[in-house]
Structures are given as structure tokens and as C-alpha cells.
Amino acid sequence: MISEVFITCALTGSGNAAELSPHVPVSPEQIGDSAIEATRAGAAVVHIHVRDGATRRGSRDPALYRDVVRRIRSSRFNPIINLTAGMGGDLLLGGANSPLPMDPSTDLVGALERLVHVEELRPEICTLDCGTMCFATRNEYMMVNTPGILRAMAARVRELGVRPELEVFDSGQLVLVHDLIREGLIEEPTLIQLCMGIRYGAPSDLSTFMALVHQLPKRSVYSAFSIGRMQLPYVALAPLVGANVRVGLEDNLYLSRGRLATNAELVERAVQILERIGVRVMRPDEVREKLALKAYA
């Protein structure tokens, strides 16, 4: 067990959550405000996707990221900004019997194009999804992150001075994490996020979770979360195995059964849980020092 942790708030994600809850932020103003509210509630890190105003779905438009980041940096609050680099890896095949041509909604671009917003805005952290996998949301959908793409992205992120957070969705992806470290593409302390409960990824049961924990690199700082109703139980579980905490509307919409949450409320509940089990919640500047982050210039 660790006695102090930091909280990451994943603000909005890229899926259909905005159709399911009025509290999911969509516009840059809403996302920026939600980041500030989550920071006031106790989050040290805000994990940011952006959404198209017309479709309300995930976008990789650099102008949207620019607006969100400007709003956060111009506030009197100073959370660690963590931008997703996961967009641009969406492959949707044409069908089971005719996979080609690909569905027109496919958004599959190269490694450097996926980092345009990171290169411009230089967040302290950006996420790299550590493998290709299917999601249960659509039969022919695949999130594409080949070893070649990830190596190219890791190399460029290192050049930019941005710390990658390696998002791990299943045990085989940790093999690639170890390879990236061995090849010198990832600096220590390695920052890892264990993503549990996503269908066709690692389930959220304790035995699977512990199997992942036991495969982590020795010198790593790691967080863990589960989606849906297991999000808040994982807040209590994570420190028991040395992990930091992630909550937020990207992963879970509810504070309790039938009660839709805001990001700030999820962070507040996480702080309450942690403090009641004797775990101190770290402030942003403490996390910057712990992770040796390079400040935005």
C-alpha cells in the first residue's frame, strides 16, 4: 500500500457519453471549466479529449485542443495537462464478409499527424495507447496502434520533452511497454495507466488486475481505473497495490445508482474515499516533482 496518490480526472473521452449525460463537457469552454472544477476538487492531472460541436463525438482538431488548453493555462489553477494522442487510430471495416473498402467513418492517420496538437501545445503528459484492440461498441471497429506506430510516436514525444503515459488495456501490451523501455524510447520513471473493464480488454476482476500489476516494470509510476460501476471501488483498491487513481466522465457517468455525476463530484468522492482509508491526495506541483515533468515554456 502507498500512503499518498495523485488523482487523474478523464474529463470527456471520445465516445457517445455526451448523448447519455448532460454533464459530459463538449465545447472547449465546457471542457476547460470542467478541468478547473476537477482541479479545485482535488485532481492533480486532467486528461483531455476534445469533441466536435456538431456531432458531439471525439475530434482531433488542433484548434479545439488549443482553445481548451488556453482556458486552463489562463486560469489561476495549474493542473498537469495530459492530452490524448489516441485519436487518428480508428479503423472501421466494411463488414464481416466484405471488410474492404473501409467504412467512411474510418479515421486512420500516421504517427506524426496524431501528435500535431501535442507538438504545438507541449503538454506535460500525453497518452499513448499500447496496442491494437477491438472494442465491443461496434462489430467491425478496431483501435489501431501497431508497434511501428507506437515506436514512432514514442520517439517523437521524447524529442518534444513530453512525458508519455502508457495506457495498457491487456497483458500482452505490457510486453511492448518493456520493449519500448529496453530500446530507450521511454524515460524513467515510466508512467503507466492500467485500463480495466473494457470489453475485449482486461476485465476488472481482481485476479486479472493483480496479474497486470505483477508484470509492471520495476521502475514505474502507475495508476489504475475501471469503467462503469467499478470506477469508485477501484479508487479504494488502487493504493493497496501501489497505484494512483483515475476517475472522470470518460469512464463512468454515475456517482451512485441512477445519480448522474459531474467530473468534480467524482473527484470529490475519490478524495473522500482515499482520505477515509488514510491516503493523502497529492497536489499538482508535488506530482510534477515526482514525475520529473518538463514545464510548458
Protein backbone atom coordinates (compact mmCIF):
# COMPACT_ATOMS: atom_id res chain seq x y z
CA MET A 1 0.00 0.00 0.00
CA ILE A 2 1.16 3.55 -0.71
CA SER A 3 0.29 6.41 1.61
CA GLU A 4 -0.10 9.17 -0.99
CA VAL A 5 -1.53 9.18 -4.52
CA PHE A 6 -2.46 11.59 -7.25
CA ILE A 7 -5.82 11.73 -8.97
CA THR A 8 -6.26 12.00 -12.73
CA CYS A 9 -9.63 13.19 -14.00
CA ALA A 10 -10.52 11.98 -17.51
CA LEU A 11 -12.93 14.71 -18.48
CA THR A 12 -14.89 13.71 -21.57
CA GLY A 13 -13.47 10.90 -23.74
CA SER A 14 -14.40 10.42 -27.38
CA GLY A 15 -17.38 8.04 -27.41
CA ASN A 16 -21.11 8.53 -27.05
CA ALA A 17 -21.11 9.59 -23.37
CA ALA A 18 -22.32 13.09 -24.27
CA GLU A 19 -25.52 11.51 -25.56
CA LEU A 20 -26.08 9.77 -22.23
CA SER A 21 -25.43 12.54 -19.71
CA PRO A 22 -25.89 16.32 -19.83
CA HIS A 23 -22.86 16.69 -17.55
CA VAL A 24 -20.33 15.44 -20.11
CA PRO A 25 -18.48 18.55 -21.36
CA VAL A 26 -18.49 19.10 -25.13
CA SER A 27 -17.40 22.62 -26.07
CA PRO A 28 -13.88 23.90 -25.30
CA GLU A 29 -15.40 26.25 -22.73
CA GLN A 30 -17.21 23.37 -21.01
CA ILE A 31 -14.14 21.13 -21.06
CA GLY A 32 -11.91 23.91 -19.74
CA ASP A 33 -14.36 24.76 -16.97
CA SER A 34 -14.71 21.09 -16.06
CA ALA A 35 -10.92 20.76 -15.82
CA ILE A 36 -10.75 23.71 -13.43
CA GLU A 37 -13.61 22.37 -11.31
CA ALA A 38 -11.95 18.95 -11.12
CA THR A 39 -8.68 20.57 -10.05
CA ARG A 40 -10.44 22.54 -7.32
CA ALA A 41 -11.97 19.25 -6.13
CA GLY A 42 -8.57 17.57 -5.81
CA ALA A 43 -7.38 16.30 -9.20
CA ALA A 44 -3.70 16.88 -9.98
CA VAL A 45 -3.92 15.75 -13.62
CA VAL A 46 -6.63 16.43 -16.20
CA HIS A 47 -6.79 14.03 -19.14
CA ILE A 48 -8.23 15.77 -22.17
CA HIS A 49 -10.05 14.73 -25.32
CA VAL A 50 -11.99 17.26 -27.38
CA ARG A 51 -15.36 16.93 -29.12
CA ASP A 52 -16.81 18.24 -32.34
CA GLY A 53 -19.56 20.75 -31.56
CA ALA A 54 -21.92 19.44 -34.26
CA THR A 55 -21.57 15.67 -33.79
CA ARG A 56 -20.64 15.82 -30.07
CA ARG A 57 -18.21 12.95 -30.77
CA GLY A 58 -14.45 12.87 -30.37
CA SER A 59 -12.29 15.07 -32.59
CA ARG A 60 -8.57 15.63 -33.20
CA ASP A 61 -8.93 19.22 -34.39
CA PRO A 62 -5.88 21.12 -33.02
CA ALA A 63 -7.92 24.33 -32.77
CA LEU A 64 -10.22 22.69 -30.21
CA TYR A 65 -7.28 21.47 -28.15
CA ARG A 66 -5.72 24.93 -28.40
CA ASP A 67 -8.85 26.56 -27.00
CA VAL A 68 -9.18 24.11 -24.10
CA VAL A 69 -5.51 24.36 -23.12
CA ARG A 70 -5.54 28.16 -23.33
CA ARG A 71 -8.54 28.30 -20.99
CA ILE A 72 -6.84 26.08 -18.42
CA ARG A 73 -3.46 27.81 -18.58
CA SER A 74 -5.02 31.26 -18.29
CA SER A 75 -6.84 30.31 -15.08
CA ARG A 76 -5.36 30.68 -11.61
CA PHE A 77 -5.36 26.90 -11.30
CA ASN A 78 -2.43 24.87 -12.53
CA PRO A 79 -3.31 21.22 -13.15
CA ILE A 80 -0.98 18.94 -15.07
CA ILE A 81 -2.35 18.79 -18.61
CA ASN A 82 -2.48 15.33 -20.15
CA LEU A 83 -3.60 15.33 -23.80
CA THR A 84 -4.72 12.16 -25.53
CA ALA A 85 -2.74 11.06 -28.56
CA GLY A 86 -5.17 8.22 -29.20
CA MET A 87 -7.24 9.90 -31.89
CA GLY A 88 -6.45 9.04 -35.51
CA GLY A 89 -6.30 5.29 -34.90
CA ASP A 90 -9.93 4.44 -35.64
CA LEU A 91 -10.38 1.66 -38.21
CA LEU A 92 -13.90 0.56 -39.15
CA LEU A 93 -14.07 -2.27 -41.66
CA GLY A 94 -16.82 -2.57 -44.24
CA GLY A 95 -18.32 -5.78 -42.83
CA ALA A 96 -17.63 -9.35 -41.80
CA ASN A 97 -17.80 -10.72 -45.35
CA SER A 98 -16.52 -7.63 -47.15
CA PRO A 99 -14.03 -5.85 -44.91
CA LEU A 100 -12.82 -3.65 -47.76
CA PRO A 101 -13.42 -0.93 -48.64
CA MET A 102 -13.28 0.51 -45.15
CA ASP A 103 -16.26 2.33 -43.68
CA PRO A 104 -16.16 6.08 -44.47
CA SER A 105 -16.04 6.90 -40.75
CA THR A 106 -12.53 5.40 -40.52
CA ASP A 107 -10.02 7.95 -39.22
CA LEU A 108 -6.61 6.34 -39.62
CA VAL A 109 -3.57 8.61 -39.91
CA GLY A 110 0.17 8.39 -39.41
CA ALA A 111 2.12 8.66 -36.16
CA LEU A 112 3.25 12.26 -36.55
CA GLU A 113 -0.19 13.51 -37.61
CA ARG A 114 -1.60 12.04 -34.41
CA LEU A 115 0.81 14.27 -32.47
CA VAL A 116 0.16 17.62 -34.18
CA HIS A 117 -1.64 19.08 -31.15
CA VAL A 118 0.98 17.70 -28.77
CA GLU A 119 3.79 19.28 -30.78
CA GLU A 120 2.05 22.66 -30.79
CA LEU A 121 0.82 22.78 -27.20
CA ARG A 122 3.57 20.83 -25.38
CA PRO A 123 1.51 19.40 -22.51
CA GLU A 124 3.43 17.91 -19.64
CA ILE A 125 1.92 14.48 -20.40
CA CYS A 126 0.28 12.81 -23.40
CA THR A 127 -1.17 9.31 -23.59
CA LEU A 128 0.00 6.52 -25.88
CA ASP A 129 -2.34 3.52 -26.24
CA CYS A 130 -0.08 0.49 -26.12
CA GLY A 131 -1.74 -1.88 -28.55
CA THR A 132 -4.29 -2.62 -31.23
CA MET A 133 -7.59 -3.95 -29.92
CA CYS A 134 -11.27 -4.38 -30.65
CA PHE A 135 -13.99 -2.69 -28.63
CA ALA A 136 -17.44 -4.11 -28.12
CA THR A 137 -19.18 -0.91 -29.21
CA ARG A 138 -19.24 -1.79 -32.95
CA ASN A 139 -18.60 -5.19 -34.53
CA GLU A 140 -16.09 -4.06 -37.14
CA TYR A 141 -14.32 -1.34 -35.14
CA MET A 142 -10.65 -1.58 -34.22
CA MET A 143 -8.35 0.82 -32.38
CA VAL A 144 -5.08 0.61 -34.32
CA ASN A 145 -1.74 1.10 -32.59
CA THR A 146 0.88 -1.06 -34.30
CA PRO A 147 4.33 -1.48 -32.74
CA GLY A 148 5.76 0.64 -35.55
CA ILE A 149 3.30 3.48 -34.97
CA LEU A 150 3.92 3.39 -31.23
CA ARG A 151 7.69 3.40 -31.62
CA ALA A 152 7.47 6.40 -33.94
CA MET A 153 5.14 8.24 -31.57
CA ALA A 154 7.28 7.44 -28.51
CA ALA A 155 10.41 8.70 -30.25
CA ARG A 156 8.74 11.96 -31.28
CA VAL A 157 7.18 12.54 -27.85
CA ARG A 158 10.61 12.12 -26.27
CA GLU A 159 12.08 14.69 -28.67
CA LEU A 160 9.33 17.12 -27.66
CA GLY A 161 10.11 16.73 -23.96
CA VAL A 162 6.60 15.46 -23.18
CA ARG A 163 6.18 12.58 -20.72
CA PRO A 164 4.14 9.72 -22.24
CA GLU A 165 1.55 7.95 -20.15
CA LEU A 166 1.39 4.41 -21.50
CA GLU A 167 -2.22 3.19 -21.46
CA VAL A 168 -2.36 -0.59 -21.08
CA PHE A 169 -5.61 -2.42 -21.84
CA ASP A 170 -4.42 -6.04 -21.61
CA SER A 171 -1.46 -8.14 -20.51
CA GLY A 172 0.20 -8.55 -23.91
CA GLN A 173 0.53 -4.80 -24.21
CA LEU A 174 2.93 -4.82 -21.27
CA VAL A 175 5.33 -6.82 -23.43
CA LEU A 176 5.53 -3.83 -25.77
CA VAL A 177 5.97 -1.50 -22.79
CA HIS A 178 9.04 -3.47 -21.70
CA ASP A 179 10.36 -3.39 -25.28
CA LEU A 180 9.98 0.40 -25.50
CA ILE A 181 11.85 0.84 -22.23
CA ARG A 182 14.64 -1.54 -23.28
CA GLU A 183 15.01 0.30 -26.59
CA GLY A 184 15.44 3.63 -24.79
CA LEU A 185 12.26 5.16 -26.22
CA ILE A 186 10.67 5.71 -22.79
CA GLU A 187 12.40 7.57 -19.98
CA GLU A 188 12.15 6.58 -16.35
CA PRO A 189 10.18 6.83 -14.22
CA THR A 190 7.86 5.12 -16.69
CA LEU A 191 4.29 6.38 -16.35
CA ILE A 192 1.66 3.67 -16.88
CA GLN A 193 -2.14 3.61 -16.74
CA LEU A 194 -3.85 0.24 -16.28
CA CYS A 195 -7.24 0.43 -18.02
CA MET A 196 -9.59 -2.23 -16.69
CA GLY A 197 -13.08 -3.43 -17.54
CA ILE A 198 -13.20 -2.51 -21.21
CA ARG A 199 -14.92 -5.31 -23.09
CA TYR A 200 -12.42 -7.37 -25.13
CA GLY A 201 -9.66 -5.90 -22.99
CA ALA A 202 -8.65 -6.90 -19.47
CA PRO A 203 -11.69 -7.49 -17.24
CA SER A 204 -11.89 -5.72 -13.91
CA ASP A 205 -11.71 -8.80 -11.68
CA LEU A 206 -9.04 -8.83 -9.00
CA SER A 207 -7.03 -11.79 -10.34
CA THR A 208 -6.61 -10.20 -13.77
CA PHE A 209 -5.73 -6.85 -12.22
CA MET A 210 -3.06 -8.38 -10.00
CA ALA A 211 -1.60 -10.29 -12.95
CA LEU A 212 -1.06 -6.95 -14.70
CA VAL A 213 0.41 -5.34 -11.58
CA HIS A 214 2.93 -8.16 -11.25
CA GLN A 215 4.11 -7.61 -14.84
CA LEU A 216 4.80 -3.89 -14.47
CA PRO A 217 8.32 -2.55 -14.97
CA LYS A 218 10.18 -2.26 -11.68
CA ARG A 219 10.77 1.48 -12.01
CA SER A 220 7.33 2.72 -12.91
CA VAL A 221 4.73 5.07 -11.52
CA TYR A 222 1.34 3.63 -12.31
CA SER A 223 -2.33 4.39 -12.00
CA ALA A 224 -5.37 2.19 -12.39
CA PHE A 225 -9.03 2.57 -13.11
CA SER A 226 -12.04 0.55 -14.17
CA ILE A 227 -15.01 1.73 -16.15
CA GLY A 228 -18.66 1.99 -15.12
CA ARG A 229 -19.81 0.96 -11.68
CA MET A 230 -16.34 -0.35 -10.76
CA GLN A 231 -14.72 3.06 -11.08
CA LEU A 232 -15.17 4.13 -7.46
CA PRO A 233 -14.32 0.70 -5.95
CA TYR A 234 -11.03 0.92 -7.88
CA VAL A 235 -10.31 4.22 -6.11
CA ALA A 236 -10.07 2.27 -2.86
CA LEU A 237 -8.31 -0.69 -4.47
CA ALA A 238 -5.57 1.18 -6.35
CA PRO A 239 -3.47 2.40 -3.39
CA LEU A 240 -3.47 -1.09 -1.88
CA VAL A 241 -1.31 -2.26 -4.81
CA GLY A 242 0.80 0.87 -5.18
CA ALA A 243 -1.32 2.56 -7.85
CA ASN A 244 -2.58 6.09 -8.31
CA VAL A 245 -6.19 6.86 -9.16
CA ARG A 246 -8.23 7.92 -12.18
CA VAL A 247 -11.88 8.95 -12.25
CA GLY A 248 -13.98 11.01 -14.63
CA LEU A 249 -16.84 11.02 -17.10
CA GLU A 250 -14.76 9.42 -19.85
CA ASP A 251 -15.05 6.16 -17.92
CA ASN A 252 -18.15 6.39 -15.74
CA LEU A 253 -21.24 8.63 -15.72
CA TYR A 254 -22.68 7.87 -12.29
CA LEU A 255 -21.97 8.88 -8.71
CA SER A 256 -24.37 6.21 -7.45
CA ARG A 257 -27.18 4.13 -8.89
CA GLY A 258 -29.37 6.42 -11.01
CA ARG A 259 -27.45 9.56 -9.96
CA LEU A 260 -25.55 11.18 -12.84
CA ALA A 261 -22.25 12.74 -11.78
CA THR A 262 -20.12 15.69 -12.75
CA ASN A 263 -16.36 15.39 -13.03
CA ALA A 264 -15.90 17.46 -9.88
CA GLU A 265 -18.27 15.21 -7.94
CA LEU A 266 -16.36 12.09 -8.98
CA VAL A 267 -13.09 13.70 -7.87
CA GLU A 268 -14.65 14.79 -4.58
CA ARG A 269 -15.90 11.26 -3.93
CA ALA A 270 -12.45 9.86 -4.75
CA VAL A 271 -10.84 12.28 -2.27
CA GLN A 272 -13.32 11.21 0.42
CA ILE A 273 -12.62 7.51 -0.17
CA LEU A 274 -8.86 7.99 -0.13
CA GLU A 275 -8.79 10.15 2.98
CA ARG A 276 -11.02 7.72 4.86
CA ILE A 277 -8.54 4.91 4.25
CA GLY A 278 -5.61 7.08 5.32
CA VAL A 279 -4.23 8.00 1.89
CA ARG A 280 -3.12 11.57 1.23
CA VAL A 281 -4.04 13.18 -2.12
CA MET A 282 -1.10 14.88 -3.82
CA ARG A 283 -1.17 18.40 -5.28
CA PRO A 284 -0.16 19.16 -8.88
CA ASP A 285 3.27 20.59 -8.04
CA GLU A 286 4.10 17.55 -5.91
CA VAL A 287 3.24 15.30 -8.85
CA ARG A 288 5.37 17.42 -11.19
CA GLU A 289 8.33 16.84 -8.92
CA LYS A 290 7.60 13.13 -8.51
CA LEU A 291 7.39 12.55 -12.27
CA ALA A 292 10.19 14.99 -13.20
CA LEU A 293 7.88 16.71 -15.67
CA LYS A 294 9.12 19.41 -18.01
CA ALA A 295 7.09 22.58 -17.66
CA TYR A 296 5.46 24.23 -20.65
CA ALA A 297 7.60 27.09 -21.99
